[in-house]
């Protein structure tokens, strides 16, 4: 099962209280989704920092050291696609869960879940903030997802989103971003 399916299963299980008499305990789908997201964020941060994923590789891919992997061009597009899609999905899931918590209709488990997701979103945003300008431009497809996060109640998320968007739209990057958009 994927992360989104675990979220759906957790929502279904959450709508139907567990019977105490039943000797079978279903899996904790929400916990599985959080755990999977934790590892997905680690992967995304690693992909962002891998030479050749967001920009052209600066050296030949001849090393076997796993910490200095250089991605070949053919895999670079796939890795970038995964990076963009999974980042969008994380932001989207975070927005949905944060909306439930902000309405005050969430129980203590949902509040704890949003706390964990807030940390994950901050980790991802901090990874984006540390990118060089040349690599940051490649994250421009996330602008719609990032702008949606501006209204989040959590100040740390808002601050990091603002910092990323500010860097994306600053003079040095905005010219390259415009060139990239017009070339599409």
Foldseek 3Di string as FASTA:
>chain_A
DDLVVLVVVQVVCVVDDDDPPDPDDDDNSLVVSLVVLLVLLVVLLLLLPAAPQLDHHPDDQPDPDPSHGHDDNVCSVVSLVSNQVSLLVLLVVLVVLLVCVVVVNDDPVSVVSNVSSVVSLLSNLVSLLPHDLSSNLSNVVCLVSLVVCCPGPDPSSNVSSVSSVCSCCDPVNVVVNVVVVVVD
